[in-house]
Amino acid sequence: MVAQTMKLYVEIGIISILAISLMTILYLVINKNSSISMLRSQIGGFKNKTELEIELDKKMSFFYSLVSNAVYVGLFGTTLGVMITLMSMNSVNQKDLISSLSLPLLSTAISIVIAILGTFCFNFVNARIEETLKIWDIHHGYSKKSC
């Protein structure tokens, strides 16, 4: 019974962390997209490209860390769930064992979906940043010279 309670707390904890991660990722992509749109409207005010890059890159390290670690949070939950299930194995029949092992795998599946969605979001924002820097180059008369 103690193992089942521990397993329940682990599952709720891991899935809660993953849900918070997903909400944070969605918040960041919406926030960064509106921030980039605002900066684009003020592109002429940036005389120095580095200043623009600093503004564009704010929160991107956190964004990347969140996306890249989502899978590890899910795997951690799976590992803990399987460990708890195996500790209680002597008192569980085969049917209960199979259902006990399926729930920890749910955290891995959820984390993979969040990591994939987060990667798409991160790449979308990163492409908008690169595009904005190119717009700055065009606005200020810089362009790559062809060979």
C-alpha atoms as a PDB file:
ATOM      1  CA  MET A   1       0.000   0.000   0.000  1.00  0.00           C
ATOM      2  CA  VAL A   2       2.871   2.376   0.768  1.00  0.00           C
ATOM      3  CA  ALA A   3       4.375   1.651  -2.635  1.00  0.00           C
ATOM      4  CA  GLN A   4       1.070   2.478  -4.369  1.00  0.00           C
ATOM      5  CA  THR A   5       0.841   5.777  -2.492  1.00  0.00           C
ATOM      6  CA  MET A   6       4.461   6.626  -3.382  1.00  0.00           C
ATOM      7  CA  LYS A   7       3.808   5.709  -7.003  1.00  0.00           C
ATOM      8  CA  LEU A   8       0.718   7.919  -7.085  1.00  0.00           C
ATOM      9  CA  TYR A   9       2.659  10.890  -5.690  1.00  0.00           C
ATOM     10  CA  VAL A  10       5.493  10.345  -8.184  1.00  0.00           C
ATOM     11  CA  GLU A  11       3.081  10.161 -11.118  1.00  0.00           C
ATOM     12  CA  ILE A  12       1.130  13.223 -10.026  1.00  0.00           C
ATOM     13  CA  GLY A  13       4.369  15.123  -9.378  1.00  0.00           C
ATOM     14  CA  ILE A  14       5.982  14.261 -12.715  1.00  0.00           C
ATOM     15  CA  ILE A  15       2.839  14.899 -14.753  1.00  0.00           C
ATOM     16  CA  SER A  16       2.371  18.222 -12.915  1.00  0.00           C
ATOM     17  CA  ILE A  17       5.946  19.239 -13.732  1.00  0.00           C
ATOM     18  CA  LEU A  18       5.366  18.283 -17.373  1.00  0.00           C
ATOM     19  CA  ALA A  19       2.090  20.246 -17.479  1.00  0.00           C
ATOM     20  CA  ILE A  20       3.833  23.308 -16.040  1.00  0.00           C
ATOM     21  CA  SER A  21       6.616  22.860 -18.610  1.00  0.00           C
ATOM     22  CA  LEU A  22       4.088  22.737 -21.442  1.00  0.00           C
ATOM     23  CA  MET A  23       2.294  25.858 -20.200  1.00  0.00           C
ATOM     24  CA  THR A  24       5.636  27.654 -19.832  1.00  0.00           C
ATOM     25  CA  ILE A  25       6.677  26.670 -23.359  1.00  0.00           C
ATOM     26  CA  LEU A  26       3.385  27.952 -24.777  1.00  0.00           C
ATOM     27  CA  TYR A  27       3.701  31.165 -22.766  1.00  0.00           C
ATOM     28  CA  LEU A  28       7.267  31.685 -24.011  1.00  0.00           C
ATOM     29  CA  VAL A  29       6.415  31.131 -27.669  1.00  0.00           C
ATOM     30  CA  ILE A  30       3.470  33.563 -27.471  1.00  0.00           C
ATOM     31  CA  ASN A  31       5.491  36.107 -25.483  1.00  0.00           C
ATOM     32  CA  LYS A  32       8.561  35.888 -27.740  1.00  0.00           C
ATOM     33  CA  ASN A  33       6.433  36.116 -30.895  1.00  0.00           C
ATOM     34  CA  SER A  34       4.719  39.304 -29.730  1.00  0.00           C
ATOM     35  CA  SER A  35       8.055  40.691 -28.509  1.00  0.00           C
ATOM     36  CA  ILE A  36       9.635  40.023 -31.900  1.00  0.00           C
ATOM     37  CA  SER A  37       6.702  41.713 -33.660  1.00  0.00           C
ATOM     38  CA  MET A  38       7.112  44.768 -31.430  1.00  0.00           C
ATOM     39  CA  LEU A  39      10.874  44.888 -32.046  1.00  0.00           C
ATOM     40  CA  ARG A  40      10.302  44.626 -35.798  1.00  0.00           C
ATOM     41  CA  SER A  41       8.118  47.710 -35.661  1.00  0.00           C
ATOM     42  CA  GLN A  42      10.966  49.558 -33.924  1.00  0.00           C
ATOM     43  CA  ILE A  43      13.753  48.158 -36.123  1.00  0.00           C
ATOM     44  CA  GLY A  44      14.880  51.619 -37.247  1.00  0.00           C
ATOM     45  CA  GLY A  45      15.534  52.596 -33.637  1.00  0.00           C
ATOM     46  CA  PHE A  46      18.312  50.045 -33.275  1.00  0.00           C
ATOM     47  CA  LYS A  47      21.471  51.608 -34.653  1.00  0.00           C
ATOM     48  CA  ASN A  48      23.558  48.714 -33.390  1.00  0.00           C
ATOM     49  CA  LYS A  49      22.718  45.149 -34.426  1.00  0.00           C
ATOM     50  CA  THR A  50      24.148  43.760 -31.190  1.00  0.00           C
ATOM     51  CA  GLU A  51      21.560  45.689 -29.155  1.00  0.00           C
ATOM     52  CA  LEU A  52      18.825  44.103 -31.249  1.00  0.00           C
ATOM     53  CA  GLU A  53      20.352  40.645 -30.815  1.00  0.00           C
ATOM     54  CA  ILE A  54      20.460  41.095 -27.032  1.00  0.00           C
ATOM     55  CA  GLU A  55      16.766  42.012 -26.995  1.00  0.00           C
ATOM     56  CA  LEU A  56      15.843  39.136 -29.303  1.00  0.00           C
ATOM     57  CA  ASP A  57      17.837  36.535 -27.362  1.00  0.00           C
ATOM     58  CA  LYS A  58      16.268  37.292 -23.967  1.00  0.00           C
ATOM     59  CA  LYS A  59      14.761  34.134 -22.397  1.00  0.00           C
ATOM     60  CA  MET A  60      15.986  31.922 -25.251  1.00  0.00           C
ATOM     61  CA  SER A  61      18.450  29.988 -23.056  1.00  0.00           C
ATOM     62  CA  PHE A  62      15.685  29.239 -20.575  1.00  0.00           C
ATOM     63  CA  PHE A  63      13.382  28.284 -23.456  1.00  0.00           C
ATOM     64  CA  TYR A  64      15.980  25.880 -24.880  1.00  0.00           C
ATOM     65  CA  SER A  65      16.742  24.345 -21.473  1.00  0.00           C
ATOM     66  CA  LEU A  66      13.074  23.762 -20.786  1.00  0.00           C
ATOM     67  CA  VAL A  67      12.477  22.076 -24.132  1.00  0.00           C
ATOM     68  CA  SER A  68      15.603  19.932 -24.056  1.00  0.00           C
ATOM     69  CA  ASN A  69      15.014  18.685 -20.505  1.00  0.00           C
ATOM     70  CA  ALA A  70      11.331  17.748 -20.842  1.00  0.00           C
ATOM     71  CA  VAL A  71      12.224  14.222 -21.946  1.00  0.00           C
ATOM     72  CA  TYR A  72      14.527  13.744 -18.968  1.00  0.00           C
ATOM     73  CA  VAL A  73      11.756  14.707 -16.550  1.00  0.00           C
ATOM     74  CA  GLY A  74       9.520  12.053 -18.124  1.00  0.00           C
ATOM     75  CA  LEU A  75      12.260   9.436 -18.036  1.00  0.00           C
ATOM     76  CA  PHE A  76      12.915  10.261 -14.389  1.00  0.00           C
ATOM     77  CA  GLY A  77       9.218   9.680 -13.656  1.00  0.00           C
ATOM     78  CA  THR A  78       9.268   6.411 -15.564  1.00  0.00           C
ATOM     79  CA  THR A  79      12.356   5.235 -13.689  1.00  0.00           C
ATOM     80  CA  LEU A  80      10.853   6.068 -10.308  1.00  0.00           C
ATOM     81  CA  GLY A  81       7.529   4.477 -11.253  1.00  0.00           C
ATOM     82  CA  VAL A  82       9.153   1.255 -12.430  1.00  0.00           C
ATOM     83  CA  MET A  83      11.359   1.116  -9.325  1.00  0.00           C
ATOM     84  CA  ILE A  84       8.346   1.481  -7.046  1.00  0.00           C
ATOM     85  CA  THR A  85       6.423  -1.125  -9.058  1.00  0.00           C
ATOM     86  CA  LEU A  86       9.302  -3.590  -8.833  1.00  0.00           C
ATOM     87  CA  MET A  87       9.616  -3.020  -5.073  1.00  0.00           C
ATOM     88  CA  SER A  88       5.994  -4.062  -4.630  1.00  0.00           C
ATOM     89  CA  MET A  89       6.217  -6.956  -7.098  1.00  0.00           C
ATOM     90  CA  ASN A  90       5.957  -9.773  -4.574  1.00  0.00           C
ATOM     91  CA  SER A  91       2.483  -8.640  -3.503  1.00  0.00           C
ATOM     92  CA  VAL A  92       1.062  -7.930  -6.981  1.00  0.00           C
ATOM     93  CA  ASN A  93      -0.456 -10.358  -9.463  1.00  0.00           C
ATOM     94  CA  GLN A  94       0.478 -10.279 -13.138  1.00  0.00           C
ATOM     95  CA  LYS A  95      -2.546  -8.212 -14.228  1.00  0.00           C
ATOM     96  CA  ASP A  96      -1.831  -5.542 -11.608  1.00  0.00           C
ATOM     97  CA  LEU A  97       1.856  -5.572 -12.530  1.00  0.00           C
ATOM     98  CA  ILE A  98       1.108  -4.809 -16.175  1.00  0.00           C
ATOM     99  CA  SER A  99      -1.240  -1.946 -15.283  1.00  0.00           C
ATOM    100  CA  SER A 100       1.304  -0.672 -12.735  1.00  0.00           C
ATOM    101  CA  LEU A 101       3.999  -0.551 -15.419  1.00  0.00           C
ATOM    102  CA  SER A 102       1.782   1.174 -17.980  1.00  0.00           C
ATOM    103  CA  LEU A 103       1.310   4.340 -15.923  1.00  0.00           C
ATOM    104  CA  PRO A 104       5.032   5.179 -15.565  1.00  0.00           C
ATOM    105  CA  LEU A 105       5.375   4.863 -19.330  1.00  0.00           C
ATOM    106  CA  LEU A 106       2.677   7.502 -19.697  1.00  0.00           C
ATOM    107  CA  SER A 107       5.047  10.134 -18.297  1.00  0.00           C
ATOM    108  CA  THR A 108       7.629   9.221 -20.926  1.00  0.00           C
ATOM    109  CA  ALA A 109       5.048   9.475 -23.703  1.00  0.00           C
ATOM    110  CA  ILE A 110       3.812  12.849 -22.437  1.00  0.00           C
ATOM    111  CA  SER A 111       7.362  14.167 -22.113  1.00  0.00           C
ATOM    112  CA  ILE A 112       8.233  13.106 -25.660  1.00  0.00           C
ATOM    113  CA  VAL A 113       5.160  14.918 -27.012  1.00  0.00           C
ATOM    114  CA  ILE A 114       6.095  18.036 -25.007  1.00  0.00           C
ATOM    115  CA  ALA A 115       9.705  17.872 -26.240  1.00  0.00           C
ATOM    116  CA  ILE A 116       8.584  17.544 -29.874  1.00  0.00           C
ATOM    117  CA  LEU A 117       6.086  20.394 -29.551  1.00  0.00           C
ATOM    118  CA  GLY A 118       8.661  22.475 -27.679  1.00  0.00           C
ATOM    119  CA  THR A 119      11.290  21.859 -30.359  1.00  0.00           C
ATOM    120  CA  PHE A 120       8.904  23.063 -33.057  1.00  0.00           C
ATOM    121  CA  CYS A 121       8.082  26.147 -30.973  1.00  0.00           C
ATOM    122  CA  PHE A 122      11.741  26.881 -30.250  1.00  0.00           C
ATOM    123  CA  ASN A 123      12.686  26.517 -33.932  1.00  0.00           C
ATOM    124  CA  PHE A 124       9.770  28.778 -34.934  1.00  0.00           C
ATOM    125  CA  VAL A 125      10.915  31.513 -32.546  1.00  0.00           C
ATOM    126  CA  ASN A 126      14.557  31.066 -33.549  1.00  0.00           C
ATOM    127  CA  ALA A 127      13.642  31.414 -37.247  1.00  0.00           C
ATOM    128  CA  ARG A 128      11.716  34.628 -36.454  1.00  0.00           C
ATOM    129  CA  ILE A 129      14.795  35.973 -34.643  1.00  0.00           C
ATOM    130  CA  GLU A 130      17.053  35.202 -37.620  1.00  0.00           C
ATOM    131  CA  GLU A 131      14.528  36.777 -39.977  1.00  0.00           C
ATOM    132  CA  THR A 132      14.375  39.905 -37.811  1.00  0.00           C
ATOM    133  CA  LEU A 133      18.159  40.228 -37.896  1.00  0.00           C
ATOM    134  CA  LYS A 134      18.054  39.987 -41.690  1.00  0.00           C
ATOM    135  CA  ILE A 135      15.366  42.669 -41.769  1.00  0.00           C
ATOM    136  CA  TRP A 136      17.678  44.874 -39.672  1.00  0.00           C
ATOM    137  CA  ASP A 137      20.474  44.281 -42.213  1.00  0.00           C
ATOM    138  CA  ILE A 138      18.199  45.247 -45.101  1.00  0.00           C
ATOM    139  CA  HIS A 139      16.833  48.293 -43.264  1.00  0.00           C
ATOM    140  CA  HIS A 140      20.356  49.536 -42.510  1.00  0.00           C
ATOM    141  CA  GLY A 141      21.716  48.841 -45.992  1.00  0.00           C
ATOM    142  CA  TYR A 142      23.710  45.719 -45.214  1.00  0.00           C
ATOM    143  CA  SER A 143      23.455  42.616 -47.290  1.00  0.00           C
ATOM    144  CA  LYS A 144      25.553  39.577 -47.951  1.00  0.00           C
ATOM    145  CA  LYS A 145      27.670  40.087 -51.000  1.00  0.00           C
ATOM    146  CA  SER A 146      27.567  37.310 -53.531  1.00  0.00           C
ATOM    147  CA  CYS A 147      30.851  35.848 -54.740  1.00  0.00           C
END
